[in-house]
Amino acid sequence: MIRSLALIFAVTFSAGASATSDDFFPHEGVDIAPDRELVVMLHGFGRNSMSMWLLAQRLEHDGFEVRRIGYRSLRTTTEKMLNTVSGKIQHCCGNSKRTIHFVGHSLGGLLIRAYLGIYHNHDVGRVVLIGPPNEGTPFVDKFHNSWWMRLAGPAAQDLGTAEDSFPNSIEAEPYYPLGVIAGDTDSEDMLNLESDADDGLIPVASTVVAGMTDFIVLKANHSLMRYDREVADQTASFLIDGRFTHDEY
């Protein structure tokens, strides 16, 4: 099992290393829908902006204008990633007069929290984090020194549960409405994460963050959450109403 996992990890993320980090801003520089609220969307580790296309499309159908931010996450540091993401968000939306919401999957959610802890120049609406390792993940602790984790780079190794890890270094509590969506695969703990519930990579308990407005657990796999219809519906619900629809699922 572990050998197979290592192979999948290496192939997937090595392919991701050459993937573009380009952003997707439809009609960049043109305010095509000034009546629409903006959503800034960040992908997770080893992915690019295109990996969020379906979630973005679904939110656009709900009336939002979505701008996907791309960044390189392999063989780099979390500090460099945050600097890159911060510059790109400032470039795309720093002077916008519209309400700006934020949606992030996994590592993207951590970068959003870190960014908003530094920059306060937006009319921040609501923020949704999907499968975020807010307290780190024991997956990284367990395989921290493996060859394939070293191949992924220092940013991957910085996502563990240690006190000085990137997730646990984000000190700022949210001053904005924050909703967290956790996944639970409801399957055998094959990676020995020693958690009561997890999405296959992140324990549900590790997604929690102090000061969050609402929290919901859905039956979803970590990597596939960005394609999940229930995840999209709940994301839209929080962005629109400031709460999840707990009685519907």
Protein backbone atom coordinates (compact mmCIF):
# COMPACT_ATOMS: atom_id res chain seq x y z
CA MET A 1 0.00 0.00 0.00
CA ILE A 2 2.70 2.50 1.00
CA ARG A 3 4.83 1.64 -2.05
CA SER A 4 1.83 2.20 -4.32
CA LEU A 5 1.05 5.46 -2.59
CA ALA A 6 4.61 6.67 -3.06
CA LEU A 7 4.47 5.89 -6.77
CA ILE A 8 1.14 7.69 -7.22
CA PHE A 9 2.41 10.67 -5.25
CA ALA A 10 5.61 10.90 -7.27
CA VAL A 11 3.92 10.59 -10.67
CA THR A 12 1.09 12.98 -9.83
CA PHE A 13 3.20 15.72 -8.33
CA SER A 14 6.07 15.37 -10.75
CA ALA A 15 3.55 16.00 -13.51
CA GLY A 16 2.22 18.92 -11.52
CA ALA A 17 5.68 20.40 -11.27
CA SER A 18 5.69 21.17 -14.97
CA ALA A 19 2.09 22.36 -14.98
CA THR A 20 1.53 26.03 -15.52
CA SER A 21 0.89 28.30 -12.57
CA ASP A 22 -1.01 30.71 -14.82
CA ASP A 23 -4.04 32.48 -13.42
CA PHE A 24 -7.47 32.56 -14.98
CA PHE A 25 -9.03 36.01 -15.04
CA PRO A 26 -11.82 36.12 -17.63
CA HIS A 27 -11.63 39.43 -19.50
CA GLU A 28 -8.75 40.67 -17.35
CA GLY A 29 -8.77 44.43 -16.98
CA VAL A 30 -12.42 44.72 -18.00
CA ASP A 31 -15.12 45.00 -15.34
CA ILE A 32 -17.57 42.86 -17.27
CA ALA A 33 -20.01 42.42 -14.38
CA PRO A 34 -19.64 45.24 -11.84
CA ASP A 35 -22.87 44.10 -10.17
CA ARG A 36 -21.38 40.66 -9.45
CA GLU A 37 -19.42 39.96 -6.30
CA LEU A 38 -15.91 38.61 -6.86
CA VAL A 39 -14.60 35.25 -5.71
CA VAL A 40 -10.84 34.75 -5.53
CA MET A 41 -10.13 31.02 -5.75
CA LEU A 42 -6.92 29.15 -4.86
CA HIS A 43 -6.08 25.53 -5.68
CA GLY A 44 -4.23 23.05 -3.50
CA PHE A 45 -0.76 21.55 -3.47
CA GLY A 46 0.67 20.24 -6.73
CA ARG A 47 -2.18 21.62 -8.83
CA ASN A 48 -2.84 24.71 -10.95
CA SER A 49 -5.71 27.11 -11.55
CA MET A 50 -7.31 24.80 -14.13
CA SER A 51 -7.89 22.16 -11.45
CA MET A 52 -10.59 24.41 -9.97
CA TRP A 53 -12.50 24.91 -13.23
CA LEU A 54 -15.62 22.94 -12.29
CA LEU A 55 -16.08 24.57 -8.89
CA ALA A 56 -15.48 27.97 -10.49
CA GLN A 57 -18.05 27.24 -13.19
CA ARG A 58 -20.65 26.22 -10.62
CA LEU A 59 -20.10 29.40 -8.59
CA GLU A 60 -20.36 31.49 -11.76
CA HIS A 61 -23.75 29.88 -12.40
CA ASP A 62 -24.71 31.08 -8.92
CA GLY A 63 -23.99 34.67 -9.91
CA PHE A 64 -20.37 35.24 -8.90
CA GLU A 65 -17.39 36.36 -10.96
CA VAL A 66 -14.55 33.96 -10.20
CA ARG A 67 -10.85 34.70 -10.55
CA ARG A 68 -8.59 31.68 -10.16
CA ILE A 69 -5.10 32.31 -8.82
CA GLY A 70 -2.32 29.92 -9.83
CA TYR A 71 0.95 29.37 -8.00
CA ARG A 72 3.80 26.86 -8.00
CA SER A 73 3.95 24.66 -4.92
CA LEU A 74 6.52 22.00 -5.78
CA ARG A 75 10.16 22.40 -4.81
CA THR A 76 9.56 25.79 -3.26
CA THR A 77 8.85 27.21 0.19
CA THR A 78 5.62 28.35 1.81
CA GLU A 79 7.14 31.83 2.21
CA LYS A 80 7.75 32.14 -1.54
CA MET A 81 4.28 30.80 -2.30
CA LEU A 82 2.66 33.34 0.02
CA ASN A 83 4.64 36.17 -1.56
CA THR A 84 3.60 35.03 -5.04
CA VAL A 85 -0.06 34.61 -4.14
CA SER A 86 -0.16 37.95 -2.31
CA GLY A 87 1.26 39.78 -5.31
CA LYS A 88 -1.20 38.14 -7.68
CA ILE A 89 -4.24 38.88 -5.51
CA GLN A 90 -3.13 42.49 -5.16
CA HIS A 91 -2.69 42.67 -8.93
CA CYS A 92 -6.08 41.21 -9.74
CA CYS A 93 -8.21 42.69 -7.02
CA GLY A 94 -6.22 45.09 -4.84
CA ASN A 95 -8.05 48.17 -6.11
CA SER A 96 -11.46 46.61 -6.57
CA LYS A 97 -14.40 48.41 -4.98
CA ARG A 98 -16.52 45.28 -4.98
CA THR A 99 -17.00 42.77 -2.20
CA ILE A 100 -14.41 40.01 -2.54
CA HIS A 101 -15.00 36.49 -1.29
CA PHE A 102 -12.29 33.84 -1.05
CA VAL A 103 -12.45 30.08 -1.65
CA GLY A 104 -9.48 27.77 -1.17
CA HIS A 105 -8.93 24.04 -1.43
CA SER A 106 -6.44 22.42 0.95
CA LEU A 107 -3.16 24.40 0.92
CA GLY A 108 -4.98 27.18 -0.95
CA GLY A 109 -7.10 27.71 2.14
CA LEU A 110 -4.03 28.16 4.33
CA LEU A 111 -2.60 30.71 1.91
CA ILE A 112 -5.88 32.65 2.01
CA ARG A 113 -5.81 32.75 5.82
CA ALA A 114 -2.18 33.86 5.81
CA TYR A 115 -2.84 36.49 3.13
CA LEU A 116 -5.85 37.98 4.90
CA GLY A 117 -3.85 38.10 8.11
CA ILE A 118 -1.42 40.46 6.36
CA TYR A 119 -3.59 42.48 3.98
CA HIS A 120 -6.68 44.35 5.11
CA ASN A 121 -7.26 46.53 2.06
CA HIS A 122 -10.21 44.58 0.67
CA ASP A 123 -13.93 44.71 1.29
CA VAL A 124 -13.77 41.08 2.38
CA GLY A 125 -17.01 39.19 2.07
CA ARG A 126 -17.01 35.56 3.14
CA VAL A 127 -14.34 32.87 3.06
CA VAL A 128 -14.75 29.12 2.49
CA LEU A 129 -11.93 26.67 3.13
CA ILE A 130 -12.33 23.20 1.61
CA GLY A 131 -10.36 20.38 3.25
CA PRO A 132 -7.82 22.75 4.84
CA PRO A 133 -5.06 21.29 7.05
CA ASN A 134 -5.47 24.13 9.56
CA GLU A 135 -3.64 22.17 12.22
CA GLY A 136 -1.39 20.33 9.76
CA THR A 137 -1.69 16.71 8.72
CA PRO A 138 -0.14 13.61 10.31
CA PHE A 139 0.33 12.32 6.75
CA VAL A 140 3.30 14.71 6.42
CA ASP A 141 4.60 13.76 9.88
CA LYS A 142 4.52 10.10 8.95
CA PHE A 143 6.31 10.43 5.61
CA HIS A 144 8.34 13.59 6.23
CA ASN A 145 11.70 12.02 5.44
CA SER A 146 10.61 9.77 2.58
CA TRP A 147 12.28 10.24 -0.80
CA TRP A 148 9.00 11.20 -2.47
CA MET A 149 8.20 13.81 0.17
CA ARG A 150 11.67 15.30 -0.31
CA LEU A 151 11.00 15.28 -4.06
CA ALA A 152 7.87 17.36 -3.48
CA GLY A 153 9.97 19.99 -1.72
CA PRO A 154 10.09 22.05 1.49
CA ALA A 155 6.54 23.39 1.19
CA ALA A 156 5.13 19.85 1.33
CA GLN A 157 7.32 19.02 4.31
CA ASP A 158 6.08 22.18 6.05
CA LEU A 159 2.47 20.97 6.25
CA GLY A 160 2.84 18.71 9.27
CA THR A 161 1.48 19.13 12.78
CA ALA A 162 4.62 20.51 14.46
CA GLU A 163 4.26 23.82 16.32
CA ASP A 164 6.57 25.56 13.84
CA SER A 165 4.85 24.16 10.72
CA PHE A 166 3.23 26.54 8.24
CA PRO A 167 -0.36 25.73 9.30
CA ASN A 168 0.40 26.35 12.96
CA SER A 169 2.31 29.57 12.24
CA ILE A 170 -0.82 31.33 10.93
CA GLU A 171 -1.75 33.13 14.11
CA ALA A 172 -4.42 35.59 13.01
CA GLU A 173 -7.98 34.60 13.92
CA PRO A 174 -10.51 35.44 11.22
CA TYR A 175 -12.05 38.92 11.25
CA TYR A 176 -14.31 37.79 8.40
CA PRO A 177 -17.08 35.16 8.18
CA LEU A 178 -15.29 31.84 7.74
CA GLY A 179 -16.83 28.52 6.75
CA VAL A 180 -14.88 25.25 6.78
CA ILE A 181 -15.84 22.15 4.80
CA ALA A 182 -14.18 18.92 5.94
CA GLY A 183 -14.29 15.59 4.14
CA ASP A 184 -14.86 12.13 5.57
CA THR A 185 -14.35 9.10 3.34
CA ASP A 186 -15.86 6.81 5.98
CA SER A 187 -13.36 4.12 4.99
CA GLU A 188 -10.57 2.15 6.60
CA ASP A 189 -7.61 4.24 7.81
CA MET A 190 -5.11 2.72 5.35
CA LEU A 191 -2.53 5.45 5.97
CA ASN A 192 -2.71 5.01 9.74
CA LEU A 193 -3.54 8.67 10.33
CA GLU A 194 -4.91 7.59 13.73
CA SER A 195 -7.99 9.76 13.34
CA ASP A 196 -11.63 9.00 13.99
CA ALA A 197 -12.56 10.54 10.64
CA ASP A 198 -10.58 11.90 7.68
CA ASP A 199 -10.80 12.56 3.95
CA GLY A 200 -7.95 10.18 3.21
CA LEU A 201 -5.31 12.82 3.82
CA ILE A 202 -6.55 15.39 6.37
CA PRO A 203 -8.24 14.39 9.64
CA VAL A 204 -11.54 16.17 10.21
CA ALA A 205 -10.21 17.45 13.54
CA SER A 206 -7.26 19.10 11.75
CA THR A 207 -9.53 21.26 9.58
CA VAL A 208 -10.96 23.16 12.54
CA VAL A 209 -9.78 26.73 13.18
CA ALA A 210 -10.57 29.01 16.11
CA GLY A 211 -13.09 31.72 15.29
CA MET A 212 -14.72 30.00 12.33
CA THR A 213 -18.35 30.90 11.68
CA ASP A 214 -19.66 27.55 10.49
CA PHE A 215 -18.39 24.02 9.94
CA ILE A 216 -19.69 21.01 8.03
CA VAL A 217 -18.45 17.49 7.27
CA LEU A 218 -19.35 15.92 3.92
CA LYS A 219 -18.73 12.45 2.55
CA ALA A 220 -15.89 13.36 0.21
CA ASN A 221 -12.33 12.42 -0.70
CA HIS A 222 -9.67 15.10 -0.23
CA SER A 223 -8.40 15.33 -3.79
CA LEU A 224 -11.86 15.10 -5.34
CA MET A 225 -13.62 17.63 -3.12
CA ARG A 226 -13.16 20.37 -5.73
CA TYR A 227 -15.29 18.34 -8.16
CA ASP A 228 -17.98 17.35 -5.66
CA ARG A 229 -21.48 18.76 -6.25
CA GLU A 230 -22.36 18.88 -2.53
CA VAL A 231 -19.14 20.75 -1.81
CA ALA A 232 -19.99 23.28 -4.52
CA ASP A 233 -23.55 23.71 -3.23
CA GLN A 234 -22.39 24.22 0.33
CA THR A 235 -19.70 26.67 -0.80
CA ALA A 236 -22.29 28.73 -2.65
CA SER A 237 -24.64 28.56 0.34
CA PHE A 238 -22.04 30.03 2.67
CA LEU A 239 -20.96 32.72 0.21
CA ILE A 240 -24.58 33.80 -0.27
CA ASP A 241 -26.10 33.31 3.20
CA GLY A 242 -23.11 33.11 5.54
CA ARG A 243 -23.99 29.59 6.65
CA PHE A 244 -24.07 26.02 5.42
CA THR A 245 -27.32 24.15 4.84
CA HIS A 246 -26.92 21.53 7.54
CA ASP A 247 -30.44 20.18 7.22
CA GLU A 248 -30.16 19.40 3.52
CA TYR A 249 -27.44 16.75 3.55
